[in-house]
Amino acid sequence: MQRVQKQMQENAVGGSTDAAAARFPTKSKSAARKRYQNRVAYSLPQLKLCLVGEPSRAKRLIAIQAPEDVARFLNPLRYAAEEHFVSIHLNARHEVLGLHEVSHGSLSASLVHPREVFKAAILANSYAIIVCHNHPSGSKVVPSKEDLETTGQLFNAGKLLGVTLIDHLIVGPGLKKNTVYSIREHHPEFWRTS
């Protein structure tokens, strides 16, 4: 077993620790081994993930209380020519921390994966999120089968990650109440705990 581990180490690093001891003249082989292991550890690629934000111009955070608040907040999205899927990141008081465009699709579709939604939510240290997408070209503001499936996936992923999905909204052109569709209001089964 030790021979296999030693062979794997030699193959991964390109030499044995005894060879390292010969290359590093020291009083003991163990000191050479330590230096060799440290060198190997630091030669592996190290990744760094950081969040770069723009400085906030607003002193007060906007609080979201109802779907209409989100619709007003995302007013430009109503008239976009293509479908956009965005997530709004909230703190524990439901104040907006930021907005993230998850995907930008075609005239009738936008591909969304929970990984992309929650990557930004975790980086923003969000307590909760509201996701929203538009239905361009004046189509009805009702969810498709795919919209409902996406909502279920996002709810389950959020539950697992500890980031609450508050709602999934669909907005359409116009400012009437019927141009905002709350999946939480019309399909509460996603938010029932099992």
C-alpha atoms as a PDB file:
ATOM      1  CA  MET A   1       0.000   0.000   0.000  1.00  0.00           C
ATOM      2  CA  GLN A   2       2.783   2.428   0.898  1.00  0.00           C
ATOM      3  CA  ARG A   3       4.591   1.555  -2.310  1.00  0.00           C
ATOM      4  CA  VAL A   4       1.447   2.394  -4.329  1.00  0.00           C
ATOM      5  CA  GLN A   5       1.041   5.728  -2.538  1.00  0.00           C
ATOM      6  CA  LYS A   6       4.713   6.535  -3.089  1.00  0.00           C
ATOM      7  CA  GLN A   7       4.415   5.650  -6.787  1.00  0.00           C
ATOM      8  CA  MET A   8       1.284   7.825  -7.110  1.00  0.00           C
ATOM      9  CA  GLN A   9       3.120  10.699  -5.457  1.00  0.00           C
ATOM     10  CA  GLU A  10       6.108  10.264  -7.767  1.00  0.00           C
ATOM     11  CA  ASN A  11       3.846  10.191 -10.819  1.00  0.00           C
ATOM     12  CA  ALA A  12       1.914  13.253  -9.676  1.00  0.00           C
ATOM     13  CA  VAL A  13       4.956  15.290  -8.758  1.00  0.00           C
ATOM     14  CA  GLY A  14       7.644  13.929 -11.020  1.00  0.00           C
ATOM     15  CA  GLY A  15      10.116  12.484  -8.538  1.00  0.00           C
ATOM     16  CA  SER A  16      10.508  10.743  -5.230  1.00  0.00           C
ATOM     17  CA  THR A  17      11.090  12.309  -1.867  1.00  0.00           C
ATOM     18  CA  ASP A  18      14.476  10.542  -1.731  1.00  0.00           C
ATOM     19  CA  ALA A  19      15.381  12.300  -4.959  1.00  0.00           C
ATOM     20  CA  ALA A  20      14.287  15.536  -3.310  1.00  0.00           C
ATOM     21  CA  ALA A  21      16.553  14.809  -0.359  1.00  0.00           C
ATOM     22  CA  ALA A  22      19.468  14.364  -2.758  1.00  0.00           C
ATOM     23  CA  ARG A  23      18.660  17.696  -4.459  1.00  0.00           C
ATOM     24  CA  PHE A  24      18.458  19.610  -1.176  1.00  0.00           C
ATOM     25  CA  PRO A  25      21.677  19.241   0.811  1.00  0.00           C
ATOM     26  CA  THR A  26      20.630  19.232   4.465  1.00  0.00           C
ATOM     27  CA  LYS A  27      21.542  17.427   7.625  1.00  0.00           C
ATOM     28  CA  SER A  28      18.435  15.227   7.553  1.00  0.00           C
ATOM     29  CA  LYS A  29      16.251  13.648   4.931  1.00  0.00           C
ATOM     30  CA  SER A  30      13.083  14.567   6.860  1.00  0.00           C
ATOM     31  CA  ALA A  31      13.805  18.311   6.533  1.00  0.00           C
ATOM     32  CA  ALA A  32      14.309  17.871   2.794  1.00  0.00           C
ATOM     33  CA  ARG A  33      11.067  15.936   2.557  1.00  0.00           C
ATOM     34  CA  LYS A  34       9.189  18.708   4.372  1.00  0.00           C
ATOM     35  CA  ARG A  35      10.558  21.367   2.051  1.00  0.00           C
ATOM     36  CA  TYR A  36       9.738  19.207  -0.955  1.00  0.00           C
ATOM     37  CA  GLN A  37       6.168  18.629   0.247  1.00  0.00           C
ATOM     38  CA  ASN A  38       5.717  22.346   0.910  1.00  0.00           C
ATOM     39  CA  ARG A  39       7.021  23.153  -2.557  1.00  0.00           C
ATOM     40  CA  VAL A  40       4.621  20.619  -4.082  1.00  0.00           C
ATOM     41  CA  ALA A  41       1.691  22.014  -2.097  1.00  0.00           C
ATOM     42  CA  TYR A  42       2.418  25.559  -3.239  1.00  0.00           C
ATOM     43  CA  SER A  43       2.966  24.580  -6.851  1.00  0.00           C
ATOM     44  CA  LEU A  44      -0.659  23.447  -7.183  1.00  0.00           C
ATOM     45  CA  PRO A  45      -2.931  26.043  -8.767  1.00  0.00           C
ATOM     46  CA  GLN A  46      -4.735  28.061  -6.125  1.00  0.00           C
ATOM     47  CA  LEU A  47      -8.072  29.627  -6.959  1.00  0.00           C
ATOM     48  CA  LYS A  48      -9.418  32.803  -5.438  1.00  0.00           C
ATOM     49  CA  LEU A  49     -13.056  33.817  -5.672  1.00  0.00           C
ATOM     50  CA  CYS A  50     -14.014  37.399  -4.924  1.00  0.00           C
ATOM     51  CA  LEU A  51     -17.005  39.659  -5.339  1.00  0.00           C
ATOM     52  CA  VAL A  52     -16.514  43.083  -6.831  1.00  0.00           C
ATOM     53  CA  GLY A  53     -19.408  45.454  -6.341  1.00  0.00           C
ATOM     54  CA  GLU A  54     -20.099  48.946  -7.477  1.00  0.00           C
ATOM     55  CA  PRO A  55     -20.250  51.583  -4.750  1.00  0.00           C
ATOM     56  CA  SER A  56     -23.796  52.226  -3.646  1.00  0.00           C
ATOM     57  CA  ARG A  57     -25.221  55.641  -4.426  1.00  0.00           C
ATOM     58  CA  ALA A  58     -28.329  55.149  -2.320  1.00  0.00           C
ATOM     59  CA  LYS A  59     -28.077  55.575   1.427  1.00  0.00           C
ATOM     60  CA  ARG A  60     -31.329  53.726   2.172  1.00  0.00           C
ATOM     61  CA  LEU A  61     -32.060  50.264   0.876  1.00  0.00           C
ATOM     62  CA  ILE A  62     -35.338  49.680  -0.937  1.00  0.00           C
ATOM     63  CA  ALA A  63     -37.641  47.263   0.898  1.00  0.00           C
ATOM     64  CA  ILE A  64     -39.805  44.815  -1.047  1.00  0.00           C
ATOM     65  CA  GLN A  65     -43.261  44.232   0.465  1.00  0.00           C
ATOM     66  CA  ALA A  66     -45.417  43.051  -2.459  1.00  0.00           C
ATOM     67  CA  PRO A  67     -45.092  41.761  -6.044  1.00  0.00           C
ATOM     68  CA  GLU A  68     -46.033  45.214  -7.327  1.00  0.00           C
ATOM     69  CA  ASP A  69     -42.946  46.668  -5.596  1.00  0.00           C
ATOM     70  CA  VAL A  70     -40.774  44.289  -7.586  1.00  0.00           C
ATOM     71  CA  ALA A  71     -42.631  45.109 -10.800  1.00  0.00           C
ATOM     72  CA  ARG A  72     -41.997  48.839 -10.277  1.00  0.00           C
ATOM     73  CA  PHE A  73     -38.383  48.102  -9.415  1.00  0.00           C
ATOM     74  CA  LEU A  74     -37.978  46.157 -12.674  1.00  0.00           C
ATOM     75  CA  ASN A  75     -40.027  48.484 -14.868  1.00  0.00           C
ATOM     76  CA  PRO A  76     -37.480  48.525 -17.753  1.00  0.00           C
ATOM     77  CA  LEU A  77     -37.747  44.746 -17.962  1.00  0.00           C
ATOM     78  CA  ARG A  78     -41.428  45.011 -18.951  1.00  0.00           C
ATOM     79  CA  TYR A  79     -40.614  46.437 -22.354  1.00  0.00           C
ATOM     80  CA  ALA A  80     -37.509  44.430 -23.240  1.00  0.00           C
ATOM     81  CA  ALA A  81     -37.602  42.769 -26.655  1.00  0.00           C
ATOM     82  CA  GLU A  82     -36.035  39.519 -25.410  1.00  0.00           C
ATOM     83  CA  GLU A  83     -36.702  37.418 -22.358  1.00  0.00           C
ATOM     84  CA  HIS A  84     -34.538  38.264 -19.329  1.00  0.00           C
ATOM     85  CA  PHE A  85     -34.289  36.281 -16.096  1.00  0.00           C
ATOM     86  CA  VAL A  86     -33.108  38.264 -13.077  1.00  0.00           C
ATOM     87  CA  SER A  87     -32.707  37.610  -9.387  1.00  0.00           C
ATOM     88  CA  ILE A  88     -33.136  40.234  -6.700  1.00  0.00           C
ATOM     89  CA  HIS A  89     -30.990  39.661  -3.627  1.00  0.00           C
ATOM     90  CA  LEU A  90     -32.479  40.600  -0.261  1.00  0.00           C
ATOM     91  CA  ASN A  91     -31.276  40.857   3.308  1.00  0.00           C
ATOM     92  CA  ALA A  92     -33.264  39.546   6.297  1.00  0.00           C
ATOM     93  CA  ARG A  93     -35.488  42.677   6.295  1.00  0.00           C
ATOM     94  CA  HIS A  94     -36.284  42.135   2.605  1.00  0.00           C
ATOM     95  CA  GLU A  95     -34.259  45.164   1.573  1.00  0.00           C
ATOM     96  CA  VAL A  96     -32.651  44.975  -1.850  1.00  0.00           C
ATOM     97  CA  LEU A  97     -28.937  44.189  -1.744  1.00  0.00           C
ATOM     98  CA  GLY A  98     -28.560  43.930  -5.494  1.00  0.00           C
ATOM     99  CA  LEU A  99     -29.850  42.705  -8.812  1.00  0.00           C
ATOM    100  CA  HIS A 100     -28.312  39.996 -10.983  1.00  0.00           C
ATOM    101  CA  GLU A 101     -29.220  39.207 -14.587  1.00  0.00           C
ATOM    102  CA  VAL A 102     -29.016  35.425 -14.657  1.00  0.00           C
ATOM    103  CA  SER A 103     -29.731  34.986 -18.346  1.00  0.00           C
ATOM    104  CA  HIS A 104     -30.719  36.879 -21.433  1.00  0.00           C
ATOM    105  CA  GLY A 105     -32.671  34.769 -23.866  1.00  0.00           C
ATOM    106  CA  SER A 106     -34.498  34.930 -27.155  1.00  0.00           C
ATOM    107  CA  LEU A 107     -37.925  36.301 -27.985  1.00  0.00           C
ATOM    108  CA  SER A 108     -39.652  33.445 -26.217  1.00  0.00           C
ATOM    109  CA  ALA A 109     -37.224  31.622 -23.920  1.00  0.00           C
ATOM    110  CA  SER A 110     -34.459  32.083 -21.406  1.00  0.00           C
ATOM    111  CA  LEU A 111     -32.363  29.198 -20.096  1.00  0.00           C
ATOM    112  CA  VAL A 112     -31.893  29.167 -16.339  1.00  0.00           C
ATOM    113  CA  HIS A 113     -29.967  26.814 -14.085  1.00  0.00           C
ATOM    114  CA  PRO A 114     -30.210  26.974 -10.268  1.00  0.00           C
ATOM    115  CA  ARG A 115     -26.401  26.975 -10.064  1.00  0.00           C
ATOM    116  CA  GLU A 116     -26.250  30.351 -11.826  1.00  0.00           C
ATOM    117  CA  VAL A 117     -29.010  31.844  -9.685  1.00  0.00           C
ATOM    118  CA  PHE A 118     -27.529  30.808  -6.350  1.00  0.00           C
ATOM    119  CA  LYS A 119     -23.897  31.512  -7.228  1.00  0.00           C
ATOM    120  CA  ALA A 120     -24.656  35.235  -7.203  1.00  0.00           C
ATOM    121  CA  ALA A 121     -26.967  34.912  -4.181  1.00  0.00           C
ATOM    122  CA  ILE A 122     -24.255  33.289  -2.089  1.00  0.00           C
ATOM    123  CA  LEU A 123     -21.620  35.805  -3.190  1.00  0.00           C
ATOM    124  CA  ALA A 124     -23.974  38.664  -2.275  1.00  0.00           C
ATOM    125  CA  ASN A 125     -24.595  37.073   1.143  1.00  0.00           C
ATOM    126  CA  SER A 126     -28.327  37.057   0.424  1.00  0.00           C
ATOM    127  CA  TYR A 127     -30.831  35.940   3.008  1.00  0.00           C
ATOM    128  CA  ALA A 128     -33.515  35.548   0.356  1.00  0.00           C
ATOM    129  CA  ILE A 129     -34.089  36.052  -3.359  1.00  0.00           C
ATOM    130  CA  ILE A 130     -36.944  36.927  -5.664  1.00  0.00           C
ATOM    131  CA  VAL A 131     -36.579  35.746  -9.237  1.00  0.00           C
ATOM    132  CA  CYS A 132     -38.337  37.435 -12.078  1.00  0.00           C
ATOM    133  CA  HIS A 133     -38.543  37.157 -15.824  1.00  0.00           C
ATOM    134  CA  ASN A 134     -40.462  38.933 -18.507  1.00  0.00           C
ATOM    135  CA  HIS A 135     -42.724  37.679 -21.244  1.00  0.00           C
ATOM    136  CA  PRO A 136     -41.913  39.913 -24.200  1.00  0.00           C
ATOM    137  CA  SER A 137     -43.947  40.514 -27.333  1.00  0.00           C
ATOM    138  CA  GLY A 138     -47.203  41.007 -25.450  1.00  0.00           C
ATOM    139  CA  SER A 139     -47.680  37.341 -24.666  1.00  0.00           C
ATOM    140  CA  LYS A 140     -49.895  36.421 -21.731  1.00  0.00           C
ATOM    141  CA  VAL A 141     -48.386  36.744 -18.309  1.00  0.00           C
ATOM    142  CA  VAL A 142     -48.996  33.151 -17.227  1.00  0.00           C
ATOM    143  CA  PRO A 143     -46.309  30.604 -16.419  1.00  0.00           C
ATOM    144  CA  SER A 144     -45.361  27.895 -18.856  1.00  0.00           C
ATOM    145  CA  LYS A 145     -44.700  24.323 -17.759  1.00  0.00           C
ATOM    146  CA  GLU A 146     -40.965  25.134 -17.846  1.00  0.00           C
ATOM    147  CA  ASP A 147     -41.509  28.200 -15.619  1.00  0.00           C
ATOM    148  CA  LEU A 148     -43.182  26.018 -12.984  1.00  0.00           C
ATOM    149  CA  GLU A 149     -40.450  23.369 -13.214  1.00  0.00           C
ATOM    150  CA  THR A 150     -37.779  26.048 -12.813  1.00  0.00           C
ATOM    151  CA  THR A 151     -39.600  27.421  -9.766  1.00  0.00           C
ATOM    152  CA  GLY A 152     -39.635  23.983  -8.152  1.00  0.00           C
ATOM    153  CA  GLN A 153     -35.927  23.481  -8.837  1.00  0.00           C
ATOM    154  CA  LEU A 154     -35.056  26.920  -7.466  1.00  0.00           C
ATOM    155  CA  PHE A 155     -37.165  26.403  -4.345  1.00  0.00           C
ATOM    156  CA  ASN A 156     -35.511  23.056  -3.599  1.00  0.00           C
ATOM    157  CA  ALA A 157     -32.005  24.397  -4.270  1.00  0.00           C
ATOM    158  CA  GLY A 158     -32.650  27.429  -2.071  1.00  0.00           C
ATOM    159  CA  LYS A 159     -33.940  25.245   0.727  1.00  0.00           C
ATOM    160  CA  LEU A 160     -30.781  23.154   0.528  1.00  0.00           C
ATOM    161  CA  LEU A 161     -28.476  26.199   0.467  1.00  0.00           C
ATOM    162  CA  GLY A 162     -30.326  28.203   3.117  1.00  0.00           C
ATOM    163  CA  VAL A 163     -31.373  31.004   0.761  1.00  0.00           C
ATOM    164  CA  THR A 164     -35.152  31.480   0.731  1.00  0.00           C
ATOM    165  CA  LEU A 165     -36.935  31.800  -2.612  1.00  0.00           C
ATOM    166  CA  ILE A 166     -39.648  34.330  -1.797  1.00  0.00           C
ATOM    167  CA  ASP A 167     -41.384  34.401  -5.169  1.00  0.00           C
ATOM    168  CA  HIS A 168     -41.007  33.901  -8.900  1.00  0.00           C
ATOM    169  CA  LEU A 169     -42.652  36.742 -10.788  1.00  0.00           C
ATOM    170  CA  ILE A 170     -43.497  37.074 -14.443  1.00  0.00           C
ATOM    171  CA  VAL A 171     -43.953  40.582 -15.805  1.00  0.00           C
ATOM    172  CA  GLY A 172     -45.416  41.721 -19.073  1.00  0.00           C
ATOM    173  CA  PRO A 173     -45.831  45.036 -20.856  1.00  0.00           C
ATOM    174  CA  GLY A 174     -48.116  47.602 -19.245  1.00  0.00           C
ATOM    175  CA  LEU A 175     -48.671  48.793 -15.716  1.00  0.00           C
ATOM    176  CA  LYS A 176     -51.942  47.039 -14.857  1.00  0.00           C
ATOM    177  CA  LYS A 177     -52.133  44.536 -12.025  1.00  0.00           C
ATOM    178  CA  ASN A 178     -52.720  41.683 -14.486  1.00  0.00           C
ATOM    179  CA  THR A 179     -49.282  42.271 -16.029  1.00  0.00           C
ATOM    180  CA  VAL A 180     -47.555  40.860 -12.927  1.00  0.00           C
ATOM    181  CA  TYR A 181     -47.999  37.159 -12.187  1.00  0.00           C
ATOM    182  CA  SER A 182     -46.865  35.829  -8.828  1.00  0.00           C
ATOM    183  CA  ILE A 183     -46.225  32.098  -8.948  1.00  0.00           C
ATOM    184  CA  ARG A 184     -46.317  32.069  -5.147  1.00  0.00           C
ATOM    185  CA  GLU A 185     -49.861  33.491  -5.120  1.00  0.00           C
ATOM    186  CA  HIS A 186     -51.185  31.181  -7.833  1.00  0.00           C
ATOM    187  CA  HIS A 187     -49.156  28.029  -7.058  1.00  0.00           C
ATOM    188  CA  PRO A 188     -48.555  27.981  -3.277  1.00  0.00           C
ATOM    189  CA  GLU A 189     -47.776  24.253  -3.344  1.00  0.00           C
ATOM    190  CA  PHE A 190     -44.088  25.043  -3.955  1.00  0.00           C
ATOM    191  CA  TRP A 191     -43.862  26.888  -0.636  1.00  0.00           C
ATOM    192  CA  ARG A 192     -45.609  24.288   1.499  1.00  0.00           C
ATOM    193  CA  THR A 193     -43.164  22.411   3.670  1.00  0.00           C
ATOM    194  CA  SER A 194     -43.325  18.649   3.533  1.00  0.00           C
END
